[in-house]
């Protein structure tokens, strides 16, 4: 049943997983009520997963890490990731 998933690139699986998990998270947490905002959040998470997949490749890590990272991005959400990135960049700027 899932044999075709073995041939799918991990980056595609990662992005899809981030999208699905983020949709489920937003609906469950009742963060957003607007359908458009739910779609935008999930699209942002999918895009972040693709970017993270490129980072995994650039760092020379195993491609299976992209799937883990994509799921994590969907679970954490784009707003939290942006907040962590802002905090990290502010710390680095003050050093």
N, C-alpha and C. Protein backbone atom coordinates (compact mmCIF):
# COMPACT_ATOMS: atom_id res chain seq x y z
N UNK A 1 0.81 -1.20 0.00
CA UNK A 1 0.00 0.00 0.00
C UNK A 1 0.86 1.26 0.00
N UNK A 2 1.93 1.27 0.77
CA UNK A 2 2.79 2.44 0.87
C UNK A 2 4.09 2.29 0.09
N UNK A 3 4.13 1.35 -0.85
CA UNK A 3 5.35 1.13 -1.62
C UNK A 3 5.75 2.34 -2.44
N UNK A 4 4.78 3.08 -2.94
CA UNK A 4 5.09 4.25 -3.76
C UNK A 4 5.73 5.37 -2.95
N UNK A 5 5.56 5.35 -1.62
CA UNK A 5 6.18 6.37 -0.78
C UNK A 5 7.70 6.23 -0.73
N UNK A 6 8.19 5.02 -0.95
CA UNK A 6 9.63 4.79 -0.95
C UNK A 6 10.31 5.53 -2.09
N UNK A 7 9.58 5.76 -3.16
CA UNK A 7 10.14 6.44 -4.33
C UNK A 7 9.95 7.95 -4.27
N UNK A 8 9.14 8.43 -3.34
CA UNK A 8 8.89 9.87 -3.20
C UNK A 8 10.07 10.51 -2.48
N UNK A 9 10.57 11.64 -3.01
CA UNK A 9 11.70 12.31 -2.34
C UNK A 9 11.33 12.73 -0.91
N UNK A 10 12.27 12.59 0.01
CA UNK A 10 11.99 12.95 1.41
C UNK A 10 11.54 14.39 1.59
N UNK A 11 12.02 15.30 0.74
CA UNK A 11 11.62 16.70 0.87
C UNK A 11 10.13 16.87 0.60
N UNK A 12 9.60 16.12 -0.36
CA UNK A 12 8.17 16.19 -0.67
C UNK A 12 7.36 15.62 0.48
N UNK A 13 7.80 14.50 1.02
CA UNK A 13 7.11 13.91 2.17
C UNK A 13 7.16 14.86 3.36
N UNK A 14 8.32 15.49 3.57
CA UNK A 14 8.48 16.43 4.67
C UNK A 14 7.53 17.61 4.55
N UNK A 15 7.44 18.19 3.36
CA UNK A 15 6.54 19.33 3.15
C UNK A 15 5.08 18.92 3.34
N UNK A 16 4.71 17.77 2.80
CA UNK A 16 3.33 17.30 2.95
C UNK A 16 3.00 17.03 4.41
N UNK A 17 3.93 16.44 5.12
CA UNK A 17 3.72 16.16 6.54
C UNK A 17 3.57 17.44 7.33
N UNK A 18 4.40 18.44 7.03
CA UNK A 18 4.31 19.73 7.71
C UNK A 18 2.96 20.38 7.45
N UNK A 19 2.47 20.30 6.21
CA UNK A 19 1.18 20.90 5.87
C UNK A 19 0.06 20.21 6.63
N UNK A 20 0.03 18.89 6.58
CA UNK A 20 -1.06 18.14 7.23
C UNK A 20 -1.05 18.35 8.74
N UNK A 21 0.12 18.24 9.36
CA UNK A 21 0.19 18.39 10.81
C UNK A 21 -0.18 19.81 11.22
N UNK A 22 0.26 20.81 10.44
CA UNK A 22 -0.08 22.18 10.82
C UNK A 22 -1.58 22.45 10.69
N UNK A 23 -2.21 21.90 9.67
CA UNK A 23 -3.67 22.05 9.54
C UNK A 23 -4.37 21.42 10.75
N UNK A 24 -3.98 20.21 11.09
CA UNK A 24 -4.60 19.53 12.23
C UNK A 24 -4.34 20.28 13.54
N UNK A 25 -3.12 20.81 13.70
CA UNK A 25 -2.78 21.55 14.92
C UNK A 25 -3.62 22.82 15.04
N UNK A 26 -3.73 23.57 13.95
CA UNK A 26 -4.49 24.82 13.99
C UNK A 26 -5.97 24.56 14.27
N UNK A 27 -6.50 23.53 13.64
CA UNK A 27 -7.91 23.20 13.87
C UNK A 27 -8.12 22.73 15.31
N UNK A 28 -7.22 21.89 15.80
CA UNK A 28 -7.36 21.37 17.16
C UNK A 28 -7.22 22.47 18.21
N UNK A 29 -6.23 23.32 18.04
CA UNK A 29 -5.99 24.39 19.01
C UNK A 29 -6.97 25.56 18.87
N UNK A 30 -7.72 25.56 17.79
CA UNK A 30 -8.67 26.64 17.49
C UNK A 30 -7.96 28.00 17.47
N UNK A 31 -6.71 28.00 16.92
CA UNK A 31 -5.94 29.25 16.82
C UNK A 31 -6.56 30.18 15.80
N UNK A 32 -6.96 29.63 14.67
CA UNK A 32 -7.50 30.43 13.58
C UNK A 32 -8.88 29.90 13.21
N UNK A 33 -9.75 30.80 12.85
CA UNK A 33 -11.07 30.36 12.39
C UNK A 33 -11.24 30.60 10.90
N UNK A 34 -10.40 31.42 10.32
CA UNK A 34 -10.48 31.74 8.91
C UNK A 34 -9.81 30.63 8.09
N UNK A 35 -10.53 30.14 7.08
CA UNK A 35 -10.01 29.09 6.21
C UNK A 35 -8.75 29.56 5.49
N UNK A 36 -8.73 30.81 5.07
CA UNK A 36 -7.57 31.36 4.35
C UNK A 36 -6.35 31.38 5.26
N UNK A 37 -6.51 31.78 6.51
CA UNK A 37 -5.38 31.82 7.44
C UNK A 37 -4.87 30.43 7.77
N UNK A 38 -5.76 29.46 7.83
CA UNK A 38 -5.33 28.07 8.04
C UNK A 38 -4.50 27.61 6.85
N UNK A 39 -4.94 27.92 5.64
CA UNK A 39 -4.17 27.56 4.45
C UNK A 39 -2.83 28.26 4.40
N UNK A 40 -2.79 29.53 4.79
CA UNK A 40 -1.53 30.27 4.79
C UNK A 40 -0.55 29.69 5.82
N UNK A 41 -1.04 29.36 6.99
CA UNK A 41 -0.18 28.75 8.01
C UNK A 41 0.39 27.43 7.51
N UNK A 42 -0.45 26.62 6.91
CA UNK A 42 0.03 25.32 6.43
C UNK A 42 1.00 25.49 5.26
N UNK A 43 0.76 26.46 4.38
CA UNK A 43 1.68 26.70 3.27
C UNK A 43 3.03 27.19 3.79
N UNK A 44 3.02 28.06 4.79
CA UNK A 44 4.27 28.52 5.39
C UNK A 44 5.04 27.36 6.02
N UNK A 45 4.35 26.49 6.70
CA UNK A 45 5.01 25.33 7.31
C UNK A 45 5.60 24.41 6.24
N UNK A 46 4.86 24.21 5.15
CA UNK A 46 5.37 23.39 4.05
C UNK A 46 6.61 24.01 3.42
N UNK A 47 6.59 25.32 3.23
CA UNK A 47 7.74 26.02 2.66
C UNK A 47 8.94 25.95 3.59
N UNK A 48 8.71 26.12 4.88
CA UNK A 48 9.80 26.01 5.85
C UNK A 48 10.40 24.60 5.86
N UNK A 49 9.56 23.60 5.66
CA UNK A 49 10.04 22.21 5.61
C UNK A 49 10.93 22.00 4.39
N UNK A 50 10.57 22.60 3.26
CA UNK A 50 11.41 22.48 2.06
C UNK A 50 12.76 23.16 2.29
N UNK A 51 12.73 24.34 2.90
CA UNK A 51 13.97 25.06 3.20
C UNK A 51 14.83 24.24 4.16
N UNK A 52 14.21 23.67 5.18
CA UNK A 52 14.96 22.85 6.13
C UNK A 52 15.54 21.61 5.45
N UNK A 53 14.81 21.06 4.49
CA UNK A 53 15.33 19.92 3.72
C UNK A 53 16.57 20.29 2.95
N UNK A 54 16.61 21.49 2.42
CA UNK A 54 17.82 21.96 1.73
C UNK A 54 18.97 22.10 2.72
N UNK A 55 18.65 22.55 3.91
CA UNK A 55 19.67 22.66 4.96
C UNK A 55 20.24 21.31 5.35
N UNK A 56 19.38 20.31 5.42
CA UNK A 56 19.83 18.96 5.75
C UNK A 56 20.80 18.46 4.68
N UNK A 57 20.46 18.72 3.42
CA UNK A 57 21.34 18.32 2.33
C UNK A 57 22.66 19.07 2.40
N UNK A 58 22.61 20.37 2.65
CA UNK A 58 23.82 21.19 2.72
C UNK A 58 24.73 20.75 3.87
N UNK A 59 24.14 20.30 4.95
CA UNK A 59 24.93 19.86 6.10
C UNK A 59 25.44 18.43 5.95
N UNK A 60 24.99 17.74 4.91
CA UNK A 60 25.45 16.38 4.66
C UNK A 60 24.80 15.33 5.55
N UNK A 61 23.66 15.66 6.12
CA UNK A 61 22.95 14.71 6.98
C UNK A 61 22.14 13.74 6.14
N UNK A 62 21.70 12.66 6.75
CA UNK A 62 20.87 11.69 6.07
C UNK A 62 19.54 12.32 5.70
N UNK A 63 19.02 11.98 4.53
CA UNK A 63 17.78 12.58 4.03
C UNK A 63 16.56 12.24 4.89
N UNK A 64 16.64 11.20 5.69
CA UNK A 64 15.51 10.86 6.57
C UNK A 64 15.27 11.95 7.62
N UNK A 65 16.27 12.76 7.90
CA UNK A 65 16.10 13.86 8.84
C UNK A 65 15.09 14.88 8.32
N UNK A 66 14.95 15.00 7.01
CA UNK A 66 14.02 15.98 6.46
C UNK A 66 12.58 15.66 6.86
N UNK A 67 12.26 14.38 6.94
CA UNK A 67 10.90 13.98 7.32
C UNK A 67 10.65 14.33 8.78
N UNK A 68 11.62 14.07 9.64
CA UNK A 68 11.50 14.42 11.05
C UNK A 68 11.34 15.93 11.22
N UNK A 69 12.16 16.68 10.50
CA UNK A 69 12.11 18.14 10.61
C UNK A 69 10.78 18.68 10.09
N UNK A 70 10.29 18.13 8.98
CA UNK A 70 9.01 18.57 8.45
C UNK A 70 7.87 18.35 9.42
N UNK A 71 7.84 17.18 10.05
CA UNK A 71 6.82 16.91 11.05
C UNK A 71 6.93 17.84 12.25
N UNK A 72 8.16 18.11 12.64
CA UNK A 72 8.38 19.03 13.78
C UNK A 72 7.93 20.44 13.45
N UNK A 73 8.22 20.89 12.24
CA UNK A 73 7.80 22.23 11.82
C UNK A 73 6.28 22.34 11.83
N UNK A 74 5.61 21.33 11.33
CA UNK A 74 4.14 21.35 11.34
C UNK A 74 3.59 21.38 12.75
N UNK A 75 4.24 20.66 13.66
CA UNK A 75 3.78 20.61 15.05
C UNK A 75 4.05 21.92 15.78
N UNK A 76 5.21 22.51 15.54
CA UNK A 76 5.58 23.75 16.23
C UNK A 76 4.83 24.94 15.64
N UNK A 77 4.77 25.03 14.33
CA UNK A 77 4.07 26.12 13.67
C UNK A 77 5.01 27.24 13.24
N UNK A 78 4.61 27.95 12.21
CA UNK A 78 5.45 29.01 11.64
C UNK A 78 5.61 30.19 12.59
N UNK A 79 4.58 30.50 13.36
CA UNK A 79 4.67 31.64 14.28
C UNK A 79 5.69 31.38 15.38
N UNK A 80 5.70 30.18 15.92
CA UNK A 80 6.68 29.84 16.96
C UNK A 80 8.09 29.80 16.39
N UNK A 81 8.23 29.27 15.19
CA UNK A 81 9.55 29.21 14.56
C UNK A 81 10.07 30.63 14.32
N UNK A 82 9.19 31.52 13.87
CA UNK A 82 9.60 32.91 13.66
C UNK A 82 10.02 33.55 14.99
N UNK A 83 9.29 33.27 16.07
CA UNK A 83 9.64 33.82 17.38
C UNK A 83 11.00 33.31 17.84
N UNK A 84 11.27 32.00 17.66
CA UNK A 84 12.57 31.43 18.02
C UNK A 84 13.68 32.04 17.16
N UNK A 85 13.42 32.21 15.88
CA UNK A 85 14.43 32.80 14.98
C UNK A 85 14.72 34.24 15.37
N UNK A 86 13.69 35.01 15.69
CA UNK A 86 13.89 36.40 16.13
C UNK A 86 14.74 36.45 17.40
N UNK A 87 14.41 35.60 18.35
CA UNK A 87 15.16 35.54 19.60
C UNK A 87 16.62 35.17 19.35
N UNK A 88 16.85 34.18 18.51
CA UNK A 88 18.21 33.74 18.18
C UNK A 88 19.00 34.87 17.50
N UNK A 89 18.37 35.52 16.53
CA UNK A 89 19.06 36.58 15.79
C UNK A 89 19.36 37.80 16.69
N UNK A 90 18.45 38.12 17.60
CA UNK A 90 18.68 39.23 18.53
C UNK A 90 19.85 38.92 19.46
N UNK A 91 19.92 37.65 19.91
CA UNK A 91 21.04 37.24 20.77
C UNK A 91 22.35 37.36 20.02
N UNK A 92 22.37 36.91 18.77
CA UNK A 92 23.59 36.96 17.96
C UNK A 92 23.99 38.40 17.66
N UNK A 93 23.03 39.26 17.46
CA UNK A 93 23.32 40.68 17.17
C UNK A 93 23.91 41.38 18.38
N UNK A 94 23.55 40.95 19.57
CA UNK A 94 24.05 41.58 20.78
C UNK A 94 25.42 41.06 21.22
N UNK A 95 25.91 40.01 20.59
CA UNK A 95 27.21 39.45 20.97
C UNK A 95 28.35 40.28 20.45
